PDB file of N, CA and C in Angstrom:
ATOM      1  N   MET A   1       0.828  -1.179   0.000  1.00  0.00           N
ATOM      2  CA  MET A   1       0.000   0.000   0.000  1.00  0.00           C
ATOM      3  C   MET A   1       0.880   1.254   0.000  1.00  0.00           C
ATOM      4  N   GLU A   2       1.905   1.245   0.805  1.00  0.00           N
ATOM      5  CA  GLU A   2       2.810   2.389   0.916  1.00  0.00           C
ATOM      6  C   GLU A   2       3.522   2.654  -0.415  1.00  0.00           C
ATOM      7  N   VAL A   3       3.902   1.595  -1.111  1.00  0.00           N
ATOM      8  CA  VAL A   3       4.628   1.729  -2.377  1.00  0.00           C
ATOM      9  C   VAL A   3       3.738   2.372  -3.432  1.00  0.00           C
ATOM     10  N   SER A   4       2.494   1.995  -3.483  1.00  0.00           N
ATOM     11  CA  SER A   4       1.602   2.569  -4.489  1.00  0.00           C
ATOM     12  C   SER A   4       1.396   4.061  -4.252  1.00  0.00           C
ATOM     13  N   ARG A   5       1.358   4.470  -3.021  1.00  0.00           N
ATOM     14  CA  ARG A   5       1.205   5.899  -2.712  1.00  0.00           C
ATOM     15  C   ARG A   5       2.439   6.674  -3.151  1.00  0.00           C
ATOM     16  N   ILE A   6       3.623   6.096  -2.921  1.00  0.00           N
ATOM     17  CA  ILE A   6       4.878   6.744  -3.356  1.00  0.00           C
ATOM     18  C   ILE A   6       4.890   6.881  -4.870  1.00  0.00           C
ATOM     19  N   LEU A   7       4.467   5.837  -5.566  1.00  0.00           N
ATOM     20  CA  LEU A   7       4.442   5.893  -7.026  1.00  0.00           C
ATOM     21  C   LEU A   7       3.486   6.964  -7.534  1.00  0.00           C
ATOM     22  N   ILE A   8       2.344   7.135  -6.882  1.00  0.00           N
ATOM     23  CA  ILE A   8       1.381   8.170  -7.274  1.00  0.00           C
ATOM     24  C   ILE A   8       1.992   9.552  -7.094  1.00  0.00           C
ATOM     25  N   GLU A   9       2.693   9.760  -5.988  1.00  0.00           N
ATOM     26  CA  GLU A   9       3.329  11.062  -5.747  1.00  0.00           C
ATOM     27  C   GLU A   9       4.438  11.336  -6.757  1.00  0.00           C
ATOM     28  N   ILE A  10       5.206  10.296  -7.086  1.00  0.00           N
ATOM     29  CA  ILE A  10       6.274  10.463  -8.086  1.00  0.00           C
ATOM     30  C   ILE A  10       5.678  10.835  -9.437  1.00  0.00           C
ATOM     31  N   ASP A  11       4.595  10.185  -9.838  1.00  0.00           N
ATOM     32  CA  ASP A  11       3.926  10.500 -11.098  1.00  0.00           C
ATOM     33  C   ASP A  11       3.421  11.938 -11.117  1.00  0.00           C
ATOM     34  N   ALA A  12       2.900  12.399  -9.981  1.00  0.00           N
ATOM     35  CA  ALA A  12       2.415  13.775  -9.900  1.00  0.00           C
ATOM     36  C   ALA A  12       3.577  14.758 -10.069  1.00  0.00           C
ATOM     37  N   GLN A  13       4.714  14.468  -9.447  1.00  0.00           N
ATOM     38  CA  GLN A  13       5.884  15.330  -9.575  1.00  0.00           C
ATOM     39  C   GLN A  13       6.398  15.336 -11.011  1.00  0.00           C
ATOM     40  N   ILE A  14       6.389  14.175 -11.642  1.00  0.00           N
ATOM     41  CA  ILE A  14       6.860  14.093 -13.027  1.00  0.00           C
ATOM     42  C   ILE A  14       5.987  14.942 -13.939  1.00  0.00           C
ATOM     43  N   SER A  15       4.687  14.885 -13.751  1.00  0.00           N
ATOM     44  CA  SER A  15       3.800  15.676 -14.609  1.00  0.00           C
ATOM     45  C   SER A  15       4.007  17.171 -14.379  1.00  0.00           C
ATOM     46  N   LYS A  16       4.233  17.579 -13.126  1.00  0.00           N
ATOM     47  CA  LYS A  16       4.508  18.999 -12.850  1.00  0.00           C
ATOM     48  C   LYS A  16       5.810  19.435 -13.508  1.00  0.00           C
ATOM     49  N   LEU A  17       6.833  18.602 -13.419  1.00  0.00           N
ATOM     50  CA  LEU A  17       8.119  18.929 -14.038  1.00  0.00           C
ATOM     51  C   LEU A  17       8.010  19.000 -15.557  1.00  0.00           C
ATOM     52  N   GLN A  18       7.228  18.100 -16.155  1.00  0.00           N
ATOM     53  CA  GLN A  18       7.052  18.136 -17.602  1.00  0.00           C
ATOM     54  C   GLN A  18       6.336  19.405 -18.040  1.00  0.00           C
ATOM     55  N   GLN A  19       5.367  19.849 -17.264  1.00  0.00           N
ATOM     56  CA  GLN A  19       4.668  21.102 -17.592  1.00  0.00           C
ATOM     57  C   GLN A  19       5.623  22.285 -17.473  1.00  0.00           C
ATOM     58  N   ALA A  20       6.435  22.298 -16.429  1.00  0.00           N
ATOM     59  CA  ALA A  20       7.389  23.392 -16.254  1.00  0.00           C
ATOM     60  C   ALA A  20       8.406  23.408 -17.386  1.00  0.00           C
ATOM     61  N   ARG A  21       8.847  22.231 -17.805  1.00  0.00           N
ATOM     62  CA  ARG A  21       9.815  22.136 -18.899  1.00  0.00           C
ATOM     63  C   ARG A  21       9.201  22.630 -20.200  1.00  0.00           C
ATOM     64  N   ALA A  22       7.952  22.277 -20.427  1.00  0.00           N
ATOM     65  CA  ALA A  22       7.267  22.723 -21.643  1.00  0.00           C
ATOM     66  C   ALA A  22       7.150  24.238 -21.668  1.00  0.00           C
ATOM     67  N   LEU A  23       6.833  24.833 -20.538  1.00  0.00           N
ATOM     68  CA  LEU A  23       6.748  26.292 -20.473  1.00  0.00           C
ATOM     69  C   LEU A  23       8.103  26.938 -20.727  1.00  0.00           C
ATOM     70  N   LEU A  24       9.136  26.389 -20.127  1.00  0.00           N
ATOM     71  CA  LEU A  24      10.468  26.971 -20.287  1.00  0.00           C
ATOM     72  C   LEU A  24      10.989  26.824 -21.707  1.00  0.00           C
ATOM     73  N   THR A  25      10.784  25.688 -22.314  1.00  0.00           N
ATOM     74  CA  THR A  25      11.292  25.501 -23.674  1.00  0.00           C
ATOM     75  C   THR A  25      10.512  26.312 -24.684  1.00  0.00           C
ATOM     76  N   SER A  26       9.237  26.508 -24.482  1.00  0.00           N
ATOM     77  CA  SER A  26       8.468  27.284 -25.455  1.00  0.00           C
ATOM     78  C   SER A  26       8.855  28.754 -25.412  1.00  0.00           C
ATOM     79  N   THR A  27       9.180  29.300 -24.253  1.00  0.00           N
ATOM     80  CA  THR A  27       9.553  30.713 -24.175  1.00  0.00           C
ATOM     81  C   THR A  27      11.034  30.933 -24.428  1.00  0.00           C
ATOM     82  N   SER A  28      11.875  29.999 -24.017  1.00  0.00           N
ATOM     83  CA  SER A  28      13.312  30.226 -24.150  1.00  0.00           C
ATOM     84  C   SER A  28      13.788  30.065 -25.579  1.00  0.00           C
ATOM     85  N   VAL A  29      13.124  29.256 -26.375  1.00  0.00           N
ATOM     86  CA  VAL A  29      13.549  29.047 -27.752  1.00  0.00           C
ATOM     87  C   VAL A  29      13.377  30.321 -28.559  1.00  0.00           C
ATOM     88  N   THR A  30      12.271  31.011 -28.362  1.00  0.00           N
ATOM     89  CA  THR A  30      12.037  32.212 -29.153  1.00  0.00           C
ATOM     90  C   THR A  30      12.789  33.409 -28.590  1.00  0.00           C
ATOM     91  N   ALA A  31      12.961  33.479 -27.276  1.00  0.00           N
ATOM     92  CA  ALA A  31      13.558  34.664 -26.674  1.00  0.00           C
ATOM     93  C   ALA A  31      15.084  34.650 -26.755  1.00  0.00           C
ATOM     94  N   THR A  32      15.688  33.532 -26.435  1.00  0.00           N
ATOM     95  CA  THR A  32      17.149  33.510 -26.357  1.00  0.00           C
ATOM     96  C   THR A  32      17.736  32.381 -27.183  1.00  0.00           C
ATOM     97  N   ALA A  33      17.343  32.286 -28.426  1.00  0.00           N
ATOM     98  CA  ALA A  33      17.887  31.244 -29.291  1.00  0.00           C
ATOM     99  C   ALA A  33      19.332  31.603 -29.632  1.00  0.00           C
ATOM    100  N   PRO A  34      20.248  30.659 -29.476  1.00  0.00           N
ATOM    101  CA  PRO A  34      21.643  30.953 -29.803  1.00  0.00           C
ATOM    102  C   PRO A  34      21.810  31.142 -31.309  1.00  0.00           C
ATOM    103  N   ALA A  35      22.686  32.067 -31.672  1.00  0.00           N
ATOM    104  CA  ALA A  35      22.930  32.343 -33.080  1.00  0.00           C
ATOM    105  C   ALA A  35      23.666  31.157 -33.695  1.00  0.00           C
ATOM    106  N   LYS A  36      23.328  30.854 -34.937  1.00  0.00           N
ATOM    107  CA  LYS A  36      24.000  29.743 -35.609  1.00  0.00           C
ATOM    108  C   LYS A  36      25.402  30.172 -35.980  1.00  0.00           C
ATOM    109  N   ARG A  37      26.320  29.245 -35.789  1.00  0.00           N
ATOM    110  CA  ARG A  37      27.708  29.532 -36.101  1.00  0.00           C
ATOM    111  C   ARG A  37      28.162  28.660 -37.254  1.00  0.00           C
ATOM    112  N   GLY A  38      29.012  29.197 -38.045  1.00  0.00           N
ATOM    113  CA  GLY A  38      29.559  28.435 -39.154  1.00  0.00           C
ATOM    114  C   GLY A  38      30.799  27.673 -38.716  1.00  0.00           C
ATOM    115  N   PRO A  39      31.349  26.892 -39.596  1.00  0.00           N
ATOM    116  CA  PRO A  39      32.542  26.135 -39.264  1.00  0.00           C
ATOM    117  C   PRO A  39      33.769  27.039 -39.189  1.00  0.00           C
ATOM    118  N   GLY A  40      34.751  26.622 -38.445  1.00  0.00           N
ATOM    119  CA  GLY A  40      36.008  27.354 -38.392  1.00  0.00           C
ATOM    120  C   GLY A  40      36.112  28.281 -37.210  1.00  0.00           C
ATOM    121  N   ARG A  41      37.217  28.973 -37.153  1.00  0.00           N
ATOM    122  CA  ARG A  41      37.508  29.899 -36.071  1.00  0.00           C
ATOM    123  C   ARG A  41      36.730  31.184 -36.273  1.00  0.00           C
ATOM    124  N   PRO A  42      36.207  31.772 -35.195  1.00  0.00           N
ATOM    125  CA  PRO A  42      35.481  33.032 -35.340  1.00  0.00           C
ATOM    126  C   PRO A  42      36.381  34.138 -35.876  1.00  0.00           C
ATOM    127  N   LYS A  43      35.785  35.065 -36.616  1.00  0.00           N
ATOM    128  CA  LYS A  43      36.560  36.169 -37.184  1.00  0.00           C
ATOM    129  C   LYS A  43      37.117  37.033 -36.069  1.00  0.00           C
ATOM    130  N   GLY A  44      38.307  37.547 -36.297  1.00  0.00           N
ATOM    131  CA  GLY A  44      38.917  38.454 -35.338  1.00  0.00           C
ATOM    132  C   GLY A  44      39.794  37.766 -34.304  1.00  0.00           C
ATOM    133  N   THR A  45      39.854  36.448 -34.304  1.00  0.00           N
ATOM    134  CA  THR A  45      40.735  35.777 -33.346  1.00  0.00           C
ATOM    135  C   THR A  45      42.125  35.674 -33.936  1.00  0.00           C
ATOM    136  N   VAL A  46      43.107  35.836 -33.105  1.00  0.00           N
ATOM    137  CA  VAL A  46      44.494  35.800 -33.544  1.00  0.00           C
ATOM    138  C   VAL A  46      45.186  34.655 -32.832  1.00  0.00           C
ATOM    139  N   THR A  47      45.923  33.876 -33.595  1.00  0.00           N
ATOM    140  CA  THR A  47      46.683  32.793 -32.979  1.00  0.00           C
ATOM    141  C   THR A  47      48.121  33.232 -32.826  1.00  0.00           C
ATOM    142  N   VAL A  48      48.709  32.831 -31.736  1.00  0.00           N
ATOM    143  CA  VAL A  48      50.107  33.139 -31.484  1.00  0.00           C
ATOM    144  C   VAL A  48      50.878  31.840 -31.585  1.00  0.00           C
ATOM    145  N   ALA A  49      51.884  31.833 -32.444  1.00  0.00           N
ATOM    146  CA  ALA A  49      52.677  30.623 -32.631  1.00  0.00           C
ATOM    147  C   ALA A  49      53.540  30.381 -31.399  1.00  0.00           C
ATOM    148  N   ALA A  50      53.581  29.137 -30.970  1.00  0.00           N
ATOM    149  CA  ALA A  50      54.410  28.777 -29.828  1.00  0.00           C
ATOM    150  C   ALA A  50      55.873  28.812 -30.253  1.00  0.00           C
ATOM    151  N   PRO A  51      56.740  29.298 -29.388  1.00  0.00           N
ATOM    152  CA  PRO A  51      58.154  29.345 -29.757  1.00  0.00           C
ATOM    153  C   PRO A  51      58.710  27.931 -29.915  1.00  0.00           C
ATOM    154  N   THR A  52      59.446  27.712 -31.015  1.00  0.00           N
ATOM    155  CA  THR A  52      60.004  26.391 -31.264  1.00  0.00           C
ATOM    156  C   THR A  52      61.409  26.317 -30.685  1.00  0.00           C
ATOM    157  N   PRO A  53      61.757  25.213 -30.070  1.00  0.00           N
ATOM    158  CA  PRO A  53      63.113  25.070 -29.556  1.00  0.00           C
ATOM    159  C   PRO A  53      64.114  25.083 -30.701  1.00  0.00           C
ATOM    160  N   LYS A  54      65.313  25.527 -30.423  1.00  0.00           N
ATOM    161  CA  LYS A  54      66.318  25.651 -31.476  1.00  0.00           C
ATOM    162  C   LYS A  54      66.672  24.299 -32.080  1.00  0.00           C
ATOM    163  N   LYS A  55      66.735  23.265 -31.256  1.00  0.00           N
ATOM    164  CA  LYS A  55      67.093  21.944 -31.777  1.00  0.00           C
ATOM    165  C   LYS A  55      66.006  21.403 -32.700  1.00  0.00           C
ATOM    166  N   ALA A  56      64.747  21.655 -32.369  1.00  0.00           N
ATOM    167  CA  ALA A  56      63.656  21.154 -33.195  1.00  0.00           C
ATOM    168  C   ALA A  56      63.547  21.948 -34.487  1.00  0.00           C
ATOM    169  N   ALA A  57      63.985  23.197 -34.469  1.00  0.00           N
ATOM    170  CA  ALA A  57      63.875  24.036 -35.647  1.00  0.00           C
ATOM    171  C   ALA A  57      64.871  23.617 -36.728  1.00  0.00           C
ATOM    172  N   LYS A  58      66.036  23.070 -36.333  1.00  0.00           N
ATOM    173  CA  LYS A  58      67.025  22.639 -37.311  1.00  0.00           C
ATOM    174  C   LYS A  58      66.581  21.342 -37.959  1.00  0.00           C
ATOM    175  N   LYS A  59      66.842  21.223 -39.242  1.00  0.00           N
ATOM    176  CA  LYS A  59      66.476  20.008 -39.954  1.00  0.00           C
ATOM    177  C   LYS A  59      67.516  18.937 -39.645  1.00  0.00           C
ATOM    178  N   ALA A  60      67.007  17.777 -39.275  1.00  0.00           N
ATOM    179  CA  ALA A  60      67.909  16.672 -38.983  1.00  0.00           C
ATOM    180  C   ALA A  60      68.486  16.163 -40.295  1.00  0.00           C
ATOM    181  N   GLY A  61      69.796  15.987 -40.336  1.00  0.00           N
ATOM    182  CA  GLY A  61      70.454  15.506 -41.544  1.00  0.00           C
ATOM    183  C   GLY A  61      70.287  14.010 -41.697  1.00  0.00           C
ATOM    184  N   LYS A  62      70.762  13.485 -42.802  1.00  0.00           N
ATOM    185  CA  LYS A  62      70.669  12.056 -43.051  1.00  0.00           C
ATOM    186  C   LYS A  62      71.573  11.329 -42.079  1.00  0.00           C
ATOM    187  N   ARG A  63      71.052  10.276 -41.494  1.00  0.00           N
ATOM    188  CA  ARG A  63      71.833   9.520 -40.526  1.00  0.00           C
ATOM    189  C   ARG A  63      72.559   8.398 -41.249  1.00  0.00           C
ATOM    190  N   ASN A  64      73.838   8.300 -41.010  1.00  0.00           N
ATOM    191  CA  ASN A  64      74.653   7.292 -41.670  1.00  0.00           C
ATOM    192  C   ASN A  64      75.131   6.272 -40.652  1.00  0.00           C
ATOM    193  N   LEU A  65      75.126   5.006 -41.060  1.00  0.00           N
ATOM    194  CA  LEU A  65      75.665   3.947 -40.227  1.00  0.00           C
ATOM    195  C   LEU A  65      77.089   3.657 -40.658  1.00  0.00           C
ATOM    196  N   SER A  66      77.889   3.378 -39.670  1.00  0.00           N
ATOM    197  CA  SER A  66      79.253   2.984 -40.005  1.00  0.00           C
ATOM    198  C   SER A  66      79.207   1.568 -40.575  1.00  0.00           C
ATOM    199  N   PRO A  67      80.211   1.197 -41.365  1.00  0.00           N
ATOM    200  CA  PRO A  67      80.218  -0.174 -41.913  1.00  0.00           C
ATOM    201  C   PRO A  67      80.186  -1.235 -40.812  1.00  0.00           C
ATOM    202  N   ASP A  68      80.834  -0.958 -39.696  1.00  0.00           N
ATOM    203  CA  ASP A  68      80.848  -1.910 -38.590  1.00  0.00           C
ATOM    204  C   ASP A  68      79.435  -2.097 -38.017  1.00  0.00           C
ATOM    205  N   ALA A  69      78.702  -0.994 -37.840  1.00  0.00           N
ATOM    206  CA  ALA A  69      77.343  -1.072 -37.307  1.00  0.00           C
ATOM    207  C   ALA A  69      76.423  -1.785 -38.291  1.00  0.00           C
ATOM    208  N   ARG A  70      76.611  -1.522 -39.586  1.00  0.00           N
ATOM    209  CA  ARG A  70      75.800  -2.174 -40.609  1.00  0.00           C
ATOM    210  C   ARG A  70      76.022  -3.693 -40.593  1.00  0.00           C
ATOM    211  N   LYS A  71      77.287  -4.113 -40.377  1.00  0.00           N
ATOM    212  CA  LYS A  71      77.596  -5.542 -40.314  1.00  0.00           C
ATOM    213  C   LYS A  71      76.974  -6.190 -39.083  1.00  0.00           C
ATOM    214  N   ARG A  72      77.001  -5.494 -37.940  1.00  0.00           N
ATOM    215  CA  ARG A  72      76.396  -6.039 -36.715  1.00  0.00           C
ATOM    216  C   ARG A  72      74.895  -6.245 -36.898  1.00  0.00           C
ATOM    217  N   ILE A  73      74.244  -5.277 -37.539  1.00  0.00           N
ATOM    218  CA  ILE A  73      72.800  -5.385 -37.765  1.00  0.00           C
ATOM    219  C   ILE A  73      72.500  -6.544 -38.714  1.00  0.00           C
ATOM    220  N   ALA A  74      73.295  -6.689 -39.784  1.00  0.00           N
ATOM    221  CA  ALA A  74      73.089  -7.772 -40.743  1.00  0.00           C
ATOM    222  C   ALA A  74      73.296  -9.126 -40.081  1.00  0.00           C
ATOM    223  N   ASP A  75      74.304  -9.245 -39.249  1.00  0.00           N
ATOM    224  CA  ASP A  75      74.564 -10.514 -38.556  1.00  0.00           C
ATOM    225  C   ASP A  75      73.427 -10.853 -37.592  1.00  0.00           C
ATOM    226  N   ALA A  76      72.925  -9.863 -36.887  1.00  0.00           N
ATOM    227  CA  ALA A  76      71.830 -10.104 -35.953  1.00  0.00           C
ATOM    228  C   ALA A  76      70.582 -10.551 -36.698  1.00  0.00           C
ATOM    229  N   GLN A  77      70.315  -9.944 -37.856  1.00  0.00           N
ATOM    230  CA  GLN A  77      69.139 -10.337 -38.635  1.00  0.00           C
ATOM    231  C   GLN A  77      69.295 -11.752 -39.165  1.00  0.00           C
ATOM    232  N   LYS A  78      70.511 -12.118 -39.598  1.00  0.00           N
ATOM    233  CA  LYS A  78      70.742 -13.479 -40.088  1.00  0.00           C
ATOM    234  C   LYS A  78      70.532 -14.490 -38.968  1.00  0.00           C
ATOM    235  N   ARG A  79      70.931 -14.128 -37.739  1.00  0.00           N
ATOM    236  CA  ARG A  79      70.689 -15.027 -36.601  1.00  0.00           C
ATOM    237  C   ARG A  79      69.189 -15.191 -36.359  1.00  0.00           C
ATOM    238  N   ARG A  80      68.424 -14.091 -36.486  1.00  0.00           N
ATOM    239  CA  ARG A  80      66.968 -14.177 -36.312  1.00  0.00           C
ATOM    240  C   ARG A  80      66.344 -15.086 -37.359  1.00  0.00           C
ATOM    241  N   TRP A  81      66.776 -14.937 -38.613  1.00  0.00           N
ATOM    242  CA  TRP A  81      66.237 -15.779 -39.671  1.00  0.00           C
ATOM    243  C   TRP A  81      66.578 -17.247 -39.435  1.00  0.00           C
ATOM    244  N   ALA A  82      67.805 -17.515 -38.994  1.00  0.00           N
ATOM    245  CA  ALA A  82      68.214 -18.896 -38.711  1.00  0.00           C
ATOM    246  C   ALA A  82      67.368 -19.480 -37.583  1.00  0.00           C
ATOM    247  N   GLU A  83      67.126 -18.695 -36.563  1.00  0.00           N
ATOM    248  CA  GLU A  83      66.298 -19.145 -35.430  1.00  0.00           C
ATOM    249  C   GLU A  83      64.870 -19.438 -35.917  1.00  0.00           C
ATOM    250  N   ARG A  84      64.344 -18.609 -36.800  1.00  0.00           N
ATOM    251  CA  ARG A  84      63.003 -18.798 -37.332  1.00  0.00           C
ATOM    252  C   ARG A  84      62.923 -20.083 -38.148  1.00  0.00           C
ATOM    253  N   ARG A  85      63.956 -20.322 -38.984  1.00  0.00           N
ATOM    254  CA  ARG A  85      63.988 -21.547 -39.794  1.00  0.00           C
ATOM    255  C   ARG A  85      64.069 -22.785 -38.913  1.00  0.00           C
ATOM    256  N   LYS A  86      64.815 -22.659 -37.810  1.00  0.00           N
ATOM    257  CA  LYS A  86      64.965 -23.775 -36.887  1.00  0.00           C
ATOM    258  C   LYS A  86      63.627 -24.094 -36.216  1.00  0.00           C
ATOM    259  N   GLN A  87      62.872 -23.067 -35.856  1.00  0.00           N
ATOM    260  CA  GLN A  87      61.568 -23.270 -35.221  1.00  0.00           C
ATOM    261  C   GLN A  87      60.576 -23.904 -36.192  1.00  0.00           C
ATOM    262  N   LYS A  88      60.615 -23.505 -37.458  1.00  0.00           N
ATOM    263  CA  LYS A  88      59.683 -24.059 -38.440  1.00  0.00           C
ATOM    264  C   LYS A  88      60.019 -25.521 -38.739  1.00  0.00           C
ATOM    265  N   ALA A  89      61.292 -25.867 -38.720  1.00  0.00           N
ATOM    266  CA  ALA A  89      61.710 -27.229 -39.005  1.00  0.00           C
ATOM    267  C   ALA A  89      61.340 -28.180 -37.864  1.00  0.00           C
ATOM    268  N   ALA A  90      61.313 -27.662 -36.635  1.00  0.00           N
ATOM    269  CA  ALA A  90      61.057 -28.539 -35.484  1.00  0.00           C
ATOM    270  C   ALA A  90      59.609 -28.855 -35.293  1.00  0.00           C
TER     271      ALA A  90
END
């Protein structure tokens, strides 16, 4: 019995809130409708470029490997391939 009374009161509150919302939306839409905006930045805004660090501003040159480093990398890759072939064979 108590639960049904609570539900009736909740329904009454919901209907009052819906009426209040209807009143507010009907008057607020016509009185204070926000202006439509187009895409992009609003006119008159100025952007300030962030200062770039000196190291980042310089163009990085081509990186060269020494012949010794190139040989170490090639040997390591050959070991990987050999290990892969060994796993497939087993």
